[in-house]
Protein backbone atom coordinates (compact mmCIF):
# COMPACT_ATOMS: atom_id res chain seq x y z
CA MET A 1 -110.29 52.05 127.97
CA LYS A 2 -109.27 55.21 126.19
CA TYR A 3 -111.39 56.52 123.37
CA VAL A 4 -109.54 55.79 120.14
CA GLY A 5 -110.58 58.95 118.31
CA LEU A 6 -113.61 59.82 116.23
CA GLN A 7 -112.11 59.57 112.75
CA SER A 8 -110.20 56.41 113.62
CA GLN A 9 -113.36 54.70 114.84
CA ILE A 10 -115.42 55.84 111.83
CA SER A 11 -112.72 54.57 109.46
CA SER A 12 -112.47 51.28 111.37
CA ASN A 13 -116.22 50.72 111.23
CA ASN A 14 -116.36 51.62 107.53
CA VAL A 15 -113.71 48.99 106.84
CA LYS A 16 -115.57 46.45 108.98
CA SER A 17 -118.82 47.23 107.15
CA ILE A 18 -117.18 46.51 103.81
CA ALA A 19 -115.58 43.36 105.24
CA LEU A 20 -118.98 42.14 106.45
CA LEU A 21 -120.59 42.89 103.10
CA ILE A 22 -117.95 40.63 101.55
CA ALA A 23 -117.69 37.99 104.29
CA PHE A 24 -121.37 37.11 104.66
CA PRO A 25 -122.06 36.47 100.93
CA LEU A 26 -118.84 34.45 100.74
CA LEU A 27 -120.00 32.40 103.72
CA MET A 28 -123.36 31.87 102.04
CA LEU A 29 -121.76 30.77 98.76
CA GLY A 30 -119.30 28.53 100.61
CA LEU A 31 -122.18 26.74 102.31
CA VAL A 32 -124.03 26.38 99.00
CA TRP A 33 -120.98 24.65 97.49
CA LEU A 34 -120.69 22.48 100.59
CA PHE A 35 -124.34 21.48 100.14
CA PHE A 36 -123.73 20.17 96.61
CA PHE A 37 -120.58 18.41 97.80
CA ILE A 38 -122.27 16.63 100.74
CA PHE A 39 -125.48 15.93 98.81
CA SER A 40 -123.55 14.34 95.93
CA PHE A 41 -121.70 11.96 98.23
CA SER A 42 -124.77 11.14 100.35
CA THR A 43 -126.91 10.21 97.34
CA ALA A 44 -124.26 8.52 95.18
CA GLU A 45 -124.87 4.84 94.56
CA GLU A 46 -122.35 2.42 95.99
CA GLY A 47 -119.36 2.02 93.69
CA THR A 48 -120.19 5.18 91.74
CA GLU A 49 -117.51 7.87 91.62
CA VAL A 50 -118.64 11.37 92.54
CA SER A 51 -117.74 13.94 89.89
CA MET A 52 -116.22 17.15 91.23
CA HIS A 53 -116.90 18.69 87.82
CA ALA A 54 -120.63 18.03 88.29
CA ILE A 55 -120.52 19.50 91.80
CA ASN A 56 -118.80 22.67 90.59
CA SER A 57 -121.14 22.97 87.59
CA ASN A 58 -124.23 22.74 89.81
CA PHE A 59 -122.71 25.29 92.18
CA LEU A 60 -121.87 27.77 89.41
CA ARG A 61 -125.42 27.52 88.03
CA THR A 62 -126.77 28.33 91.49
CA VAL A 63 -124.49 31.31 92.22
CA PRO A 64 -126.56 33.90 90.24
CA VAL A 65 -129.80 32.79 91.91
CA VAL A 66 -128.30 32.88 95.43
CA THR A 67 -126.69 36.27 94.76
CA ILE A 68 -129.93 37.81 93.46
CA VAL A 69 -132.07 36.44 96.31
CA VAL A 70 -129.60 37.57 99.00
CA GLY A 71 -129.23 40.96 97.29
CA ILE A 72 -133.00 41.55 97.17
CA TRP A 73 -133.37 40.45 100.81
CA PHE A 74 -130.56 42.79 101.85
CA LEU A 75 -131.91 45.82 99.96
CA ILE A 76 -135.44 45.39 101.34
CA ALA A 77 -134.14 45.04 104.91
CA TRP A 78 -131.68 47.91 104.42
CA PHE A 79 -134.24 50.47 103.34
CA SER A 80 -137.04 49.39 105.64
CA HIS A 81 -135.15 48.57 108.84
CA SER A 82 -135.85 51.90 110.60
CA ALA A 83 -139.60 51.53 110.26
CA ILE A 84 -139.39 47.85 111.24
CA VAL A 85 -137.39 48.63 114.39
CA GLN A 86 -139.68 51.45 115.51
CA ARG A 87 -142.73 49.27 114.91
CA ALA A 88 -141.16 46.35 116.81
CA THR A 89 -140.50 48.52 119.87
CA GLY A 90 -143.73 50.52 119.72
CA ALA A 91 -141.73 53.76 119.57
CA LYS A 92 -143.54 57.03 118.81
CA PRO A 93 -142.08 60.41 117.73
CA LEU A 94 -141.27 62.76 120.61
CA GLU A 95 -141.86 66.37 119.61
CA ARG A 96 -140.10 69.35 121.17
CA LYS A 97 -143.40 70.61 122.60
CA ASN A 98 -143.91 67.28 124.38
CA ASN A 99 -140.58 67.32 126.22
CA LYS A 100 -138.29 70.34 125.91
CA ARG A 101 -135.88 68.86 128.47
CA VAL A 102 -135.02 65.85 126.27
CA TYR A 103 -134.92 67.93 123.12
CA ASN A 104 -132.56 70.47 124.66
CA LEU A 105 -130.20 67.75 125.87
CA VAL A 106 -130.08 66.11 122.42
CA GLU A 107 -129.76 69.43 120.61
CA ASN A 108 -126.96 70.76 122.81
CA LEU A 109 -124.92 67.56 122.41
CA CYS A 110 -125.41 67.65 118.63
CA ILE A 111 -124.31 71.28 118.48
CA SER A 112 -121.20 70.43 120.50
CA ARG A 113 -120.31 67.81 117.87
CA GLY A 114 -121.43 69.76 114.83
CA MET A 115 -123.82 67.01 113.81
CA LYS A 116 -127.34 67.14 112.46
CA MET A 117 -129.90 66.44 115.16
CA PRO A 118 -131.45 62.97 114.81
CA LYS A 119 -135.13 62.25 115.27
CA VAL A 120 -136.21 61.52 118.83
CA PHE A 121 -138.63 58.70 119.69
CA VAL A 122 -140.12 57.50 122.96
CA ILE A 123 -141.25 54.04 124.08
CA GLU A 124 -144.10 54.28 126.56
CA ASP A 125 -142.59 51.83 129.03
CA SER A 126 -141.62 52.52 132.65
CA SER A 127 -138.42 50.44 132.34
CA LEU A 128 -135.09 52.12 131.56
CA ASN A 129 -133.48 51.64 128.15
CA ALA A 130 -132.50 53.40 124.94
CA TYR A 131 -131.11 52.72 121.47
CA ALA A 132 -129.92 54.43 118.29
CA SER A 133 -131.08 53.52 114.79
CA GLY A 134 -130.84 54.69 111.18
CA LEU A 135 -128.40 54.60 108.28
CA SER A 136 -128.25 58.23 107.14
CA ASP A 137 -128.95 61.77 108.31
CA LYS A 138 -132.57 61.34 107.18
CA THR A 139 -133.15 58.20 109.24
CA PHE A 140 -130.86 58.59 112.29
CA ALA A 141 -132.88 58.44 115.50
CA VAL A 142 -132.40 58.19 119.25
CA THR A 143 -135.13 56.31 121.08
CA LEU A 144 -135.64 56.57 124.85
CA SER A 145 -138.03 54.73 127.11
CA ARG A 146 -140.41 56.78 129.25
CA GLY A 147 -138.77 55.26 132.30
CA ILE A 148 -135.27 56.40 131.39
CA ILE A 149 -136.56 59.93 130.76
CA ASP A 150 -138.43 60.15 134.06
CA LYS A 151 -136.00 58.30 136.37
CA LEU A 152 -132.62 59.76 135.38
CA ASP A 153 -131.38 63.21 136.30
CA ASP A 154 -130.13 65.58 133.59
CA ASP A 155 -126.47 64.51 133.79
CA GLU A 156 -127.34 60.82 133.68
CA LEU A 157 -129.78 61.23 130.79
CA GLU A 158 -127.23 63.36 128.94
CA GLY A 159 -124.73 60.52 129.29
CA VAL A 160 -127.18 57.99 127.84
CA ILE A 161 -128.04 60.28 124.92
CA ALA A 162 -124.34 60.91 124.29
CA HIS A 163 -123.79 57.14 124.24
CA GLU A 164 -126.44 56.72 121.53
CA LEU A 165 -125.17 59.71 119.54
CA THR A 166 -121.70 58.15 119.62
CA HIS A 167 -123.14 55.02 118.03
CA ILE A 168 -124.49 57.22 115.24
CA ILE A 169 -121.26 59.19 114.82
CA ASN A 170 -119.11 56.05 114.81
CA ARG A 171 -121.37 54.33 112.24
CA ASP A 172 -121.96 51.53 114.75
CA VAL A 173 -125.63 51.43 113.79
CA ARG A 174 -124.89 50.74 110.13
CA LEU A 175 -122.39 48.03 111.06
CA LEU A 176 -124.90 46.35 113.37
CA ILE A 177 -127.71 46.50 110.83
CA ILE A 178 -125.55 44.78 108.20
CA SER A 179 -124.74 41.94 110.60
CA ILE A 180 -128.38 41.62 111.72
CA ILE A 181 -129.61 41.36 108.13
CA PHE A 182 -127.24 38.57 107.19
CA VAL A 183 -127.74 36.61 110.40
CA GLY A 184 -131.47 36.94 109.74
CA ILE A 185 -131.09 35.25 106.35
CA PHE A 186 -129.60 32.14 107.94
CA ALA A 187 -132.16 32.20 110.75
CA PHE A 188 -135.05 32.41 108.28
CA LEU A 189 -133.62 29.61 106.13
CA THR A 190 -133.15 27.38 109.17
CA GLU A 191 -136.70 27.94 110.39
CA ALA A 192 -138.23 27.49 106.93
CA VAL A 193 -136.47 24.17 106.29
CA PHE A 194 -137.24 22.96 109.82
CA ARG A 195 -140.94 23.62 109.24
CA MET A 196 -140.80 21.77 105.93
CA LEU A 197 -139.28 18.76 107.64
CA ILE A 198 -141.79 18.84 110.51
CA TYR A 199 -144.81 19.12 108.21
CA GLY A 200 -143.61 16.52 105.75
CA GLY A 201 -142.01 18.71 103.12
CA GLY A 202 -140.03 16.75 100.58
CA LYS A 203 -141.21 13.29 101.65
CA SER A 204 -143.47 12.77 98.67
CA ASP A 205 -140.61 13.20 96.24
CA GLY A 206 -138.39 10.53 97.72
CA LYS A 207 -135.48 10.14 100.10
CA LYS A 208 -133.22 12.48 98.15
CA ASP A 209 -135.43 15.48 98.85
CA GLY A 210 -135.56 14.60 102.53
CA ARG A 211 -131.79 14.35 102.67
CA ALA A 212 -131.45 17.65 100.84
CA LEU A 213 -133.66 19.42 103.40
CA ILE A 214 -131.71 17.95 106.30
CA ILE A 215 -128.39 19.00 104.76
CA ILE A 216 -129.72 22.51 104.07
CA MET A 217 -130.95 22.87 107.65
CA VAL A 218 -127.64 21.69 109.14
CA LEU A 219 -125.64 24.05 106.91
CA ALA A 220 -128.03 26.93 107.65
CA VAL A 221 -127.50 26.38 111.39
CA ILE A 222 -123.73 26.37 110.84
CA GLY A 223 -124.04 29.59 108.83
CA MET A 224 -126.15 31.20 111.55
CA VAL A 225 -123.67 30.24 114.26
CA LEU A 226 -120.63 31.45 112.29
CA SER A 227 -122.28 34.72 111.25
CA SER A 228 -123.44 35.26 114.84
CA PHE A 229 -119.83 35.03 116.04
CA PHE A 230 -118.99 37.93 113.68
CA ARG A 231 -121.86 39.90 115.17
CA PHE A 232 -120.99 39.14 118.80
CA ALA A 233 -117.38 40.24 118.36
CA LEU A 234 -118.50 43.57 116.92
CA SER A 235 -121.35 44.25 119.33
CA ARG A 236 -119.42 43.88 122.58
CA LYS A 237 -116.61 46.20 121.58
CA ARG A 238 -118.92 48.88 120.22
CA GLU A 239 -120.61 49.31 123.61
CA TYR A 240 -117.30 50.03 125.35
CA LEU A 241 -116.37 52.50 122.62
CA ALA A 242 -119.74 54.25 122.81
CA ASP A 243 -119.37 54.55 126.59
CA ALA A 244 -115.92 56.07 126.11
CA GLY A 245 -117.19 58.40 123.41
CA ALA A 246 -120.02 59.57 125.67
CA ALA A 247 -117.57 60.21 128.51
CA GLU A 248 -115.44 62.30 126.17
CA MET A 249 -118.47 64.17 124.85
CA THR A 250 -120.01 65.08 128.22
CA LYS A 251 -116.85 65.08 130.40
CA LYS A 252 -119.00 63.27 132.99
CA PRO A 253 -118.10 59.55 132.94
CA LEU A 254 -119.44 58.99 136.45
CA ALA A 255 -122.88 60.28 135.41
CA LEU A 256 -123.06 57.67 132.65
CA ALA A 257 -121.82 55.02 135.11
CA SER A 258 -124.64 55.99 137.46
CA ALA A 259 -127.14 55.84 134.60
CA LEU A 260 -125.97 52.38 133.56
CA LYS A 261 -126.37 51.13 137.12
CA LYS A 262 -129.99 52.33 137.19
CA VAL A 263 -130.64 50.88 133.72
CA SER A 264 -129.30 47.48 134.79
CA GLU A 265 -131.91 47.33 137.57
CA ASP A 266 -134.84 47.46 135.14
CA PRO A 267 -133.95 47.30 131.43
CA TRP A 268 -136.89 45.12 130.34
CA ILE A 269 -138.92 46.62 127.49
CA GLU A 270 -142.08 44.57 127.18
CA ALA A 271 -142.67 45.31 123.49
CA VAL A 272 -139.31 43.88 122.42
CA LYS A 273 -139.69 40.26 121.33
CA LYS A 274 -136.91 39.76 118.79
CA GLU A 275 -133.23 39.33 119.62
CA ALA A 276 -132.21 41.30 116.51
CA VAL A 277 -133.95 44.36 117.96
CA ALA A 278 -132.92 43.70 121.57
CA GLN A 279 -129.21 43.92 120.79
CA MET A 280 -129.60 47.53 119.64
CA PHE A 281 -130.38 48.78 123.16
CA ILE A 282 -127.88 50.29 125.61
CA ASP A 283 -128.47 47.20 127.75
CA HIS A 284 -130.20 43.97 126.73
CA PRO A 285 -133.91 44.54 127.53
CA THR A 286 -134.55 41.38 129.56
CA LYS A 287 -136.09 40.92 132.98
CA LYS A 288 -133.59 41.12 135.82
CA LYS A 289 -134.80 37.85 137.33
CA ASP A 290 -134.29 36.08 134.00
CA ARG A 291 -130.66 37.15 133.91
CA ASN A 292 -129.92 35.25 137.10
CA SER A 293 -131.46 31.97 135.99
CA PHE A 294 -129.42 28.96 134.93
CA THR A 295 -131.33 28.78 131.65
CA THR A 296 -129.68 31.97 130.44
CA PHE A 297 -126.13 30.65 130.89
CA PHE A 298 -125.88 29.75 127.20
CA ASN A 299 -127.28 33.15 126.16
CA ASN A 300 -124.76 34.95 128.38
CA ALA A 301 -121.93 33.09 126.68
CA PHE A 302 -123.10 34.56 123.39
CA ALA A 303 -124.14 37.95 124.76
CA THR A 304 -124.12 40.96 122.44
CA HIS A 305 -123.51 43.32 125.40
CA PRO A 306 -120.59 43.28 127.84
CA PRO A 307 -121.60 43.10 131.53
CA ILE A 308 -122.82 46.43 132.92
CA LYS A 309 -120.51 45.95 135.92
CA LYS A 310 -117.44 45.90 133.68
CA ARG A 311 -118.64 48.91 131.70
CA ILE A 312 -119.09 50.86 134.95
CA GLU A 313 -115.60 49.87 136.12
CA VAL A 314 -114.11 51.19 132.88
CA LEU A 315 -115.98 54.48 133.18
CA GLU A 316 -114.80 54.92 136.76
CA GLN A 317 -111.21 54.81 135.51
CA PHE A 318 -111.58 57.92 133.31
């Protein structure tokens, strides 16, 4: 896979970011309308004609509320995501005095690209993994596990850092955060309604409320699945492009291939519990033995990362 060019990739991701910002709210509003449509038919008395005018009127009255709630959710997640991610992974700032080797590698790569140096964080875990985060020059960061720092040689570590810097340069991080936020809305709604159904929510107010909760949960699951497909399609491609960008940046594709092979042997970061955070890493931070189990077949079908083996094969073709 040839690298498509820096400006081309930035422009492509900017367009995709805008498309996602439009697509996810439209999906949300479409499901809200579908709720009123299904609910009206499911609760209509036999022989009574369902009014499309009433359905549309109820939907239009709900649009401002849905838009405001989704907007507030998005803004809170947007401005706080960096702190949330670092807290979720247990990452701590890595100062120059603590590890000049890492700092020099990051700094030299940034100088070669004329970019502002991001913050550097470390996860005190012996496994091998890394990720990029942030939405602007003030929040961009590269996070490395202690294992990846200690177990890779300079060329291999440089390749991993270049991979994460490429994510920042290409605006992959921003694109991923947008998709994570919106998928999270559907996931939260699904879980909330499920809990209400389990603990008896809506039963005291009659069958209509129970039906409404069931319809909401079903539509929320549909929304989560559809929005996840958007995310999967973006995530897989961005890893190949970041690998290619790193190869172009360092001129050492085989070093990155070697690093990926070592990472694939032990990528599990114990602190990572949420899938939304896990997909940000250079390789999904799961246990190696778990990857080979039959129970992960479904997860592999919806993987956010392409197989390491295929990524290595592509790098070996440079």
